[in-house]
Amino acid sequence: MNRRTFLTTSIAASAAVLLSGCGFRLRGRDSLPTLPTLALEGDNNSAVAQQLTTRLRQLGTQVEPGAPWRVTLGTPSLVDRRLGGDGRASREHELTLSISLSVQERASNAYHINNATLSSSSRIRVNDDDLLNRESLFAEAEQTLARELSQRIIERLANIEAMQ
């Protein structure tokens, strides 16, 4: 083992020990705290709302009307921005899915998040001449964005200290 390898390994090991000593953890399934019972209101039929409900239940959070915390979702908005020239070949698209979010404590009617906009974006390359494949690529990308956006909502909920 040469000196450079030894130093690299030593620095990495030291960093790991330091980070574990201060309570640092990589984010994963268990890093989110348990959330109280939530009531989902607003646009409950969107793909984002369905993904959010499923994910919350997987985390052990109850979702029921009349819960102490009211989470209001707006209608998701998908923006498709075409990138590149007007050539006949495949074209790159930037898709951005956005949603408004409000979180209100029912007992005090206090808003902890008031009409915040969260978004998730992705780029896909699509051949405009292949219509069948084009639609399936867009649908798949939209589902992926809905999953990512629901995860962002959960992360945002987990950061509200009053819910803990």
C-alpha atoms as a PDB file:
ATOM      1  CA  MET A   1       0.000   0.000   0.000  1.00  0.00           C
ATOM      2  CA  ASN A   2       1.478   3.308  -1.031  1.00  0.00           C
ATOM      3  CA  ARG A   3       1.398   6.559   0.894  1.00  0.00           C
ATOM      4  CA  ARG A   4      -1.403   8.197  -1.162  1.00  0.00           C
ATOM      5  CA  THR A   5      -3.753   5.245  -0.637  1.00  0.00           C
ATOM      6  CA  PHE A   6      -2.951   5.173   3.062  1.00  0.00           C
ATOM      7  CA  LEU A   7      -3.672   8.908   3.450  1.00  0.00           C
ATOM      8  CA  THR A   8      -6.932   8.688   1.490  1.00  0.00           C
ATOM      9  CA  THR A   9      -8.135   5.754   3.566  1.00  0.00           C
ATOM     10  CA  SER A  10      -7.115   7.456   6.813  1.00  0.00           C
ATOM     11  CA  ILE A  11      -8.911  10.697   5.933  1.00  0.00           C
ATOM     12  CA  ALA A  12     -12.085   8.830   4.914  1.00  0.00           C
ATOM     13  CA  ALA A  13     -12.063   6.801   8.138  1.00  0.00           C
ATOM     14  CA  SER A  14     -11.478   9.938  10.242  1.00  0.00           C
ATOM     15  CA  ALA A  15     -14.341  11.750   8.515  1.00  0.00           C
ATOM     16  CA  ALA A  16     -16.665   8.796   9.133  1.00  0.00           C
ATOM     17  CA  VAL A  17     -15.772   8.702  12.834  1.00  0.00           C
ATOM     18  CA  LEU A  18     -16.234  12.464  13.193  1.00  0.00           C
ATOM     19  CA  LEU A  19     -19.595  12.477  11.424  1.00  0.00           C
ATOM     20  CA  SER A  20     -20.924   9.520  13.386  1.00  0.00           C
ATOM     21  CA  GLY A  21     -19.824  11.184  16.622  1.00  0.00           C
ATOM     22  CA  CYS A  22     -21.895  14.309  15.969  1.00  0.00           C
ATOM     23  CA  GLY A  23     -25.064  12.365  15.149  1.00  0.00           C
ATOM     24  CA  PHE A  24     -24.892  12.665  11.360  1.00  0.00           C
ATOM     25  CA  ARG A  25     -26.888  10.041   9.454  1.00  0.00           C
ATOM     26  CA  LEU A  26     -27.428   9.543   5.779  1.00  0.00           C
ATOM     27  CA  ARG A  27     -31.015  10.110   4.769  1.00  0.00           C
ATOM     28  CA  GLY A  28     -33.034   7.024   4.213  1.00  0.00           C
ATOM     29  CA  ARG A  29     -36.382   5.477   5.025  1.00  0.00           C
ATOM     30  CA  ASP A  30     -35.866   5.676   8.773  1.00  0.00           C
ATOM     31  CA  SER A  31     -34.583   9.253   8.872  1.00  0.00           C
ATOM     32  CA  LEU A  32     -38.031  10.869   8.723  1.00  0.00           C
ATOM     33  CA  PRO A  33     -39.844  11.293  12.031  1.00  0.00           C
ATOM     34  CA  THR A  34     -43.319   9.916  12.468  1.00  0.00           C
ATOM     35  CA  LEU A  35     -45.952  12.457  11.583  1.00  0.00           C
ATOM     36  CA  PRO A  36     -49.237  12.998  13.423  1.00  0.00           C
ATOM     37  CA  THR A  37     -52.577  12.121  11.862  1.00  0.00           C
ATOM     38  CA  LEU A  38     -53.167  14.341   8.829  1.00  0.00           C
ATOM     39  CA  ALA A  39     -56.238  15.418   6.867  1.00  0.00           C
ATOM     40  CA  LEU A  40     -55.585  15.833   3.132  1.00  0.00           C
ATOM     41  CA  GLU A  41     -57.739  18.495   1.527  1.00  0.00           C
ATOM     42  CA  GLY A  42     -57.853  20.275  -1.805  1.00  0.00           C
ATOM     43  CA  ASP A  43     -57.137  18.308  -4.983  1.00  0.00           C
ATOM     44  CA  ASN A  44     -57.162  14.748  -3.595  1.00  0.00           C
ATOM     45  CA  ASN A  45     -57.604  13.055  -6.983  1.00  0.00           C
ATOM     46  CA  SER A  46     -54.290  14.053  -8.558  1.00  0.00           C
ATOM     47  CA  ALA A  47     -51.401  11.633  -9.016  1.00  0.00           C
ATOM     48  CA  VAL A  48     -49.386  13.639  -6.469  1.00  0.00           C
ATOM     49  CA  ALA A  49     -52.142  13.356  -3.835  1.00  0.00           C
ATOM     50  CA  GLN A  50     -52.481   9.616  -4.432  1.00  0.00           C
ATOM     51  CA  GLN A  51     -48.695   9.124  -4.212  1.00  0.00           C
ATOM     52  CA  LEU A  52     -48.609  11.256  -1.048  1.00  0.00           C
ATOM     53  CA  THR A  53     -51.401   9.265   0.602  1.00  0.00           C
ATOM     54  CA  THR A  54     -49.722   5.960  -0.249  1.00  0.00           C
ATOM     55  CA  ARG A  55     -46.308   7.126   0.973  1.00  0.00           C
ATOM     56  CA  LEU A  56     -47.702   8.563   4.214  1.00  0.00           C
ATOM     57  CA  ARG A  57     -49.468   5.292   4.995  1.00  0.00           C
ATOM     58  CA  GLN A  58     -46.265   3.359   4.257  1.00  0.00           C
ATOM     59  CA  LEU A  59     -44.542   5.557   6.848  1.00  0.00           C
ATOM     60  CA  GLY A  60     -47.260   4.748   9.395  1.00  0.00           C
ATOM     61  CA  THR A  61     -49.017   8.117   9.260  1.00  0.00           C
ATOM     62  CA  GLN A  62     -52.802   8.033   9.451  1.00  0.00           C
ATOM     63  CA  VAL A  63     -54.702  10.060   6.853  1.00  0.00           C
ATOM     64  CA  GLU A  64     -58.287  10.829   7.845  1.00  0.00           C
ATOM     65  CA  PRO A  65     -60.737  13.746   7.718  1.00  0.00           C
ATOM     66  CA  GLY A  66     -60.945  15.859  10.856  1.00  0.00           C
ATOM     67  CA  ALA A  67     -57.311  15.201  11.838  1.00  0.00           C
ATOM     68  CA  PRO A  68     -55.502  17.798  13.998  1.00  0.00           C
ATOM     69  CA  TRP A  69     -53.343  18.876  11.033  1.00  0.00           C
ATOM     70  CA  ARG A  70     -54.884  20.001   7.741  1.00  0.00           C
ATOM     71  CA  VAL A  71     -52.704  19.607   4.606  1.00  0.00           C
ATOM     72  CA  THR A  72     -54.194  21.405   1.606  1.00  0.00           C
ATOM     73  CA  LEU A  73     -52.900  20.532  -1.862  1.00  0.00           C
ATOM     74  CA  GLY A  74     -53.472  22.649  -4.937  1.00  0.00           C
ATOM     75  CA  THR A  75     -53.969  21.248  -8.415  1.00  0.00           C
ATOM     76  CA  PRO A  76     -50.618  20.098  -9.843  1.00  0.00           C
ATOM     77  CA  SER A  77     -49.346  21.962 -12.871  1.00  0.00           C
ATOM     78  CA  LEU A  78     -47.129  20.280 -15.482  1.00  0.00           C
ATOM     79  CA  VAL A  79     -45.012  22.579 -17.658  1.00  0.00           C
ATOM     80  CA  ASP A  80     -43.302  21.146 -20.748  1.00  0.00           C
ATOM     81  CA  ARG A  81     -40.422  23.216 -22.051  1.00  0.00           C
ATOM     82  CA  ARG A  82     -38.839  22.085 -25.313  1.00  0.00           C
ATOM     83  CA  LEU A  83     -35.098  22.403 -25.462  1.00  0.00           C
ATOM     84  CA  GLY A  84     -33.034  22.572 -28.628  1.00  0.00           C
ATOM     85  CA  GLY A  85     -33.831  23.472 -32.219  1.00  0.00           C
ATOM     86  CA  ASP A  86     -36.734  22.630 -34.488  1.00  0.00           C
ATOM     87  CA  GLY A  87     -35.024  19.695 -36.190  1.00  0.00           C
ATOM     88  CA  ARG A  88     -36.862  16.507 -37.137  1.00  0.00           C
ATOM     89  CA  ALA A  89     -34.772  14.305 -34.864  1.00  0.00           C
ATOM     90  CA  SER A  90     -35.420  13.606 -31.217  1.00  0.00           C
ATOM     91  CA  ARG A  91     -35.857  16.582 -28.960  1.00  0.00           C
ATOM     92  CA  GLU A  92     -35.141  17.103 -25.288  1.00  0.00           C
ATOM     93  CA  HIS A  93     -37.992  18.230 -23.027  1.00  0.00           C
ATOM     94  CA  GLU A  94     -37.767  19.665 -19.552  1.00  0.00           C
ATOM     95  CA  LEU A  95     -40.847  18.727 -17.520  1.00  0.00           C
ATOM     96  CA  THR A  96     -41.633  20.569 -14.305  1.00  0.00           C
ATOM     97  CA  LEU A  97     -44.442  19.481 -11.982  1.00  0.00           C
ATOM     98  CA  SER A  98     -45.489  22.077  -9.384  1.00  0.00           C
ATOM     99  CA  ILE A  99     -48.051  22.087  -6.605  1.00  0.00           C
ATOM    100  CA  SER A 100     -49.114  24.536  -3.900  1.00  0.00           C
ATOM    101  CA  LEU A 101     -49.093  23.353  -0.288  1.00  0.00           C
ATOM    102  CA  SER A 102     -50.578  24.726   2.905  1.00  0.00           C
ATOM    103  CA  VAL A 103     -50.348  23.172   6.364  1.00  0.00           C
ATOM    104  CA  GLN A 104     -52.672  24.380   9.106  1.00  0.00           C
ATOM    105  CA  GLU A 105     -53.049  23.310  12.716  1.00  0.00           C
ATOM    106  CA  ARG A 106     -56.768  22.802  13.248  1.00  0.00           C
ATOM    107  CA  ALA A 107     -56.812  23.690  16.991  1.00  0.00           C
ATOM    108  CA  SER A 108     -55.321  27.179  16.576  1.00  0.00           C
ATOM    109  CA  ASN A 109     -56.050  27.739  12.857  1.00  0.00           C
ATOM    110  CA  ALA A 110     -52.386  28.757  12.545  1.00  0.00           C
ATOM    111  CA  TYR A 111     -50.696  28.181   9.191  1.00  0.00           C
ATOM    112  CA  HIS A 112     -47.240  26.629   9.443  1.00  0.00           C
ATOM    113  CA  ILE A 113     -46.901  26.601   5.637  1.00  0.00           C
ATOM    114  CA  ASN A 114     -49.111  29.000   3.712  1.00  0.00           C
ATOM    115  CA  ASN A 115     -49.492  28.464  -0.021  1.00  0.00           C
ATOM    116  CA  ALA A 116     -45.886  27.401  -0.665  1.00  0.00           C
ATOM    117  CA  THR A 117     -45.049  26.117  -4.139  1.00  0.00           C
ATOM    118  CA  LEU A 118     -43.045  22.914  -4.410  1.00  0.00           C
ATOM    119  CA  SER A 119     -41.776  21.556  -7.704  1.00  0.00           C
ATOM    120  CA  SER A 120     -39.819  18.735  -9.250  1.00  0.00           C
ATOM    121  CA  SER A 121     -38.305  18.656 -12.733  1.00  0.00           C
ATOM    122  CA  SER A 122     -36.803  16.175 -15.127  1.00  0.00           C
ATOM    123  CA  ARG A 123     -35.438  16.061 -18.661  1.00  0.00           C
ATOM    124  CA  ILE A 124     -36.388  13.453 -21.225  1.00  0.00           C
ATOM    125  CA  ARG A 125     -35.429  12.934 -24.861  1.00  0.00           C
ATOM    126  CA  VAL A 126     -38.370  12.156 -27.132  1.00  0.00           C
ATOM    127  CA  ASN A 127     -38.688  11.418 -30.828  1.00  0.00           C
ATOM    128  CA  ASP A 128     -41.646  13.543 -31.963  1.00  0.00           C
ATOM    129  CA  ASP A 129     -42.336  11.190 -34.897  1.00  0.00           C
ATOM    130  CA  ASP A 130     -42.965   8.156 -32.638  1.00  0.00           C
ATOM    131  CA  LEU A 131     -46.307   9.160 -31.094  1.00  0.00           C
ATOM    132  CA  LEU A 132     -46.970   5.923 -29.148  1.00  0.00           C
ATOM    133  CA  ASN A 133     -43.579   5.918 -27.482  1.00  0.00           C
ATOM    134  CA  ARG A 134     -43.799   9.677 -26.917  1.00  0.00           C
ATOM    135  CA  GLU A 135     -46.999   9.425 -24.873  1.00  0.00           C
ATOM    136  CA  SER A 136     -45.703   6.539 -22.749  1.00  0.00           C
ATOM    137  CA  LEU A 137     -42.440   8.407 -22.054  1.00  0.00           C
ATOM    138  CA  PHE A 138     -44.378  11.507 -20.958  1.00  0.00           C
ATOM    139  CA  ALA A 139     -46.737   9.441 -18.755  1.00  0.00           C
ATOM    140  CA  GLU A 140     -43.813   7.629 -17.129  1.00  0.00           C
ATOM    141  CA  ALA A 141     -41.968  10.906 -16.531  1.00  0.00           C
ATOM    142  CA  GLU A 142     -45.083  12.463 -14.999  1.00  0.00           C
ATOM    143  CA  GLN A 143     -45.506   9.514 -12.606  1.00  0.00           C
ATOM    144  CA  THR A 144     -41.849   9.779 -11.574  1.00  0.00           C
ATOM    145  CA  LEU A 145     -42.256  13.512 -10.958  1.00  0.00           C
ATOM    146  CA  ALA A 146     -45.400  12.853  -8.878  1.00  0.00           C
ATOM    147  CA  ARG A 147     -43.438  10.382  -6.697  1.00  0.00           C
ATOM    148  CA  GLU A 148     -40.580  12.864  -6.269  1.00  0.00           C
ATOM    149  CA  LEU A 149     -42.963  15.696  -5.463  1.00  0.00           C
ATOM    150  CA  SER A 150     -44.834  13.615  -2.876  1.00  0.00           C
ATOM    151  CA  GLN A 151     -41.490  12.821  -1.240  1.00  0.00           C
ATOM    152  CA  ARG A 152     -40.636  16.543  -1.163  1.00  0.00           C
ATOM    153  CA  ILE A 153     -43.966  17.257   0.525  1.00  0.00           C
ATOM    154  CA  ILE A 154     -43.245  14.635   3.191  1.00  0.00           C
ATOM    155  CA  GLU A 155     -39.779  16.091   3.780  1.00  0.00           C
ATOM    156  CA  ARG A 156     -41.323  19.537   4.141  1.00  0.00           C
ATOM    157  CA  LEU A 157     -43.910  18.201   6.609  1.00  0.00           C
ATOM    158  CA  ALA A 158     -41.173  16.500   8.611  1.00  0.00           C
ATOM    159  CA  ASN A 159     -39.376  19.832   8.998  1.00  0.00           C
ATOM    160  CA  ILE A 160     -42.280  21.532  10.775  1.00  0.00           C
ATOM    161  CA  GLU A 161     -41.143  21.502  14.388  1.00  0.00           C
ATOM    162  CA  ALA A 162     -44.642  22.024  15.795  1.00  0.00           C
ATOM    163  CA  MET A 163     -45.716  18.641  14.383  1.00  0.00           C
ATOM    164  CA  GLN A 164     -43.064  16.759  16.342  1.00  0.00           C
END
